[in-house]
Protein backbone atom coordinates (compact mmCIF):
# COMPACT_ATOMS: atom_id res chain seq x y z
CA MET A 1 -39.60 -85.86 -7.04
CA VAL A 2 -36.91 -85.91 -4.36
CA SER A 3 -34.76 -82.82 -4.14
CA ARG A 4 -31.09 -83.68 -3.88
CA ALA A 5 -30.04 -80.08 -3.21
CA LYS A 6 -30.17 -80.60 0.56
CA TYR A 7 -27.81 -83.56 0.21
CA ILE A 8 -25.37 -81.60 -1.92
CA THR A 9 -25.18 -78.73 0.54
CA GLY A 10 -25.04 -81.15 3.46
CA THR A 11 -22.17 -83.07 1.86
CA VAL A 12 -20.28 -79.85 1.09
CA ASN A 13 -20.69 -78.76 4.71
CA ALA A 14 -19.59 -82.18 6.00
CA LEU A 15 -16.52 -82.15 3.76
CA GLN A 16 -15.61 -78.60 4.76
CA ALA A 17 -15.72 -79.70 8.40
CA LYS A 18 -13.11 -82.42 7.77
CA PRO A 19 -9.45 -81.64 8.44
CA GLY A 20 -7.98 -80.23 5.22
CA GLY A 21 -11.41 -79.18 3.98
CA GLY A 22 -12.23 -82.68 2.84
CA ASN A 23 -9.39 -83.02 0.31
CA GLU A 24 -7.11 -84.95 2.66
CA TRP A 25 -9.98 -87.10 3.90
CA LEU A 26 -11.10 -88.02 0.40
CA LEU A 27 -7.55 -88.71 -0.77
CA SER A 28 -6.96 -90.90 2.29
CA LEU A 29 -9.79 -93.17 1.09
CA ARG A 30 -7.58 -94.24 -1.83
CA LYS A 31 -5.33 -96.02 0.66
CA VAL A 32 -7.92 -98.09 2.54
CA GLU A 33 -9.82 -101.26 1.72
CA LEU A 34 -12.93 -100.85 -0.43
CA GLN A 35 -15.34 -101.70 2.40
CA GLU A 36 -13.80 -99.03 4.61
CA ALA A 37 -13.93 -96.43 1.82
CA VAL A 38 -17.60 -97.20 1.08
CA ALA A 39 -18.49 -97.08 4.78
CA ALA A 40 -16.73 -93.72 5.16
CA LEU A 41 -18.44 -92.27 2.10
CA CYS A 42 -21.83 -93.48 3.36
CA THR A 43 -21.42 -91.16 6.37
CA LEU A 44 -21.92 -88.21 4.03
CA PRO A 45 -25.50 -86.90 3.65
CA GLY A 46 -27.36 -88.55 0.78
CA VAL A 47 -24.60 -91.04 -0.03
CA GLY A 48 -25.70 -94.65 -0.02
CA PRO A 49 -23.92 -97.84 -1.03
CA LYS A 50 -24.40 -97.40 -4.79
CA VAL A 51 -23.23 -93.79 -4.89
CA ALA A 52 -20.32 -94.64 -2.58
CA ALA A 53 -19.32 -97.51 -4.88
CA CYS A 54 -19.48 -95.15 -7.89
CA ILE A 55 -17.28 -92.61 -6.12
CA ALA A 56 -14.85 -95.34 -5.05
CA LEU A 57 -14.66 -96.78 -8.56
CA PHE A 58 -14.42 -93.57 -10.57
CA SER A 59 -12.59 -91.24 -8.20
CA LEU A 60 -10.71 -93.25 -5.58
CA ASP A 61 -8.96 -95.88 -7.72
CA GLN A 62 -10.96 -98.66 -6.06
CA HIS A 63 -11.21 -100.79 -9.20
CA SER A 64 -12.91 -103.70 -7.47
CA ALA A 65 -15.98 -101.59 -6.64
CA ILE A 66 -19.15 -102.70 -8.40
CA PRO A 67 -22.00 -100.19 -8.16
CA VAL A 68 -25.35 -102.00 -7.96
CA ASP A 69 -28.65 -100.18 -8.00
CA THR A 70 -31.91 -101.58 -6.69
CA HIS A 71 -33.03 -102.77 -10.13
CA VAL A 72 -29.85 -104.74 -10.80
CA TRP A 73 -30.07 -106.21 -7.30
CA GLN A 74 -33.67 -107.37 -7.86
CA VAL A 75 -32.77 -109.04 -11.16
CA THR A 76 -29.72 -110.69 -9.61
CA LYS A 77 -31.78 -112.01 -6.72
CA SER A 78 -34.45 -113.40 -9.01
CA ILE A 79 -31.90 -115.06 -11.31
CA GLY A 80 -30.03 -116.42 -8.31
CA PHE A 81 -33.16 -117.91 -6.82
CA TYR A 82 -34.16 -119.32 -10.21
CA VAL A 83 -30.75 -121.00 -10.62
CA LEU A 84 -31.00 -122.48 -7.14
CA TYR A 85 -34.47 -123.75 -7.99
CA LEU A 86 -33.18 -125.45 -11.17
CA LEU A 87 -30.33 -127.11 -9.27
CA ASN A 88 -32.67 -128.73 -6.75
C-alpha cells in the first residue's frame, strides 16, 4: 500500500511557499486554460493528470475537464483499436 501522507504534507508545504499561501495561486488557476491549470497542478507533489483534472473540474470551475484513470484509459484504447479494426 502506498502512503499518500508524504504527498499531502509535501503539497501543503508547496502551497504555503506560494505567494498568498497558495490561495491566490489556486484561485488564479480559475482564469487560465484547462491545460495550463492541469500542468500547474501537476507540479504539486503527488498530483498527476487525473487528480489535477478532478481538482480543475470540481474546484476550479474548469467544466471541460474530464478525469480519466488508468482503467478507463485502457478500455478506451481497446475500444478505439477495435473500432479501427472493424473499419478496415
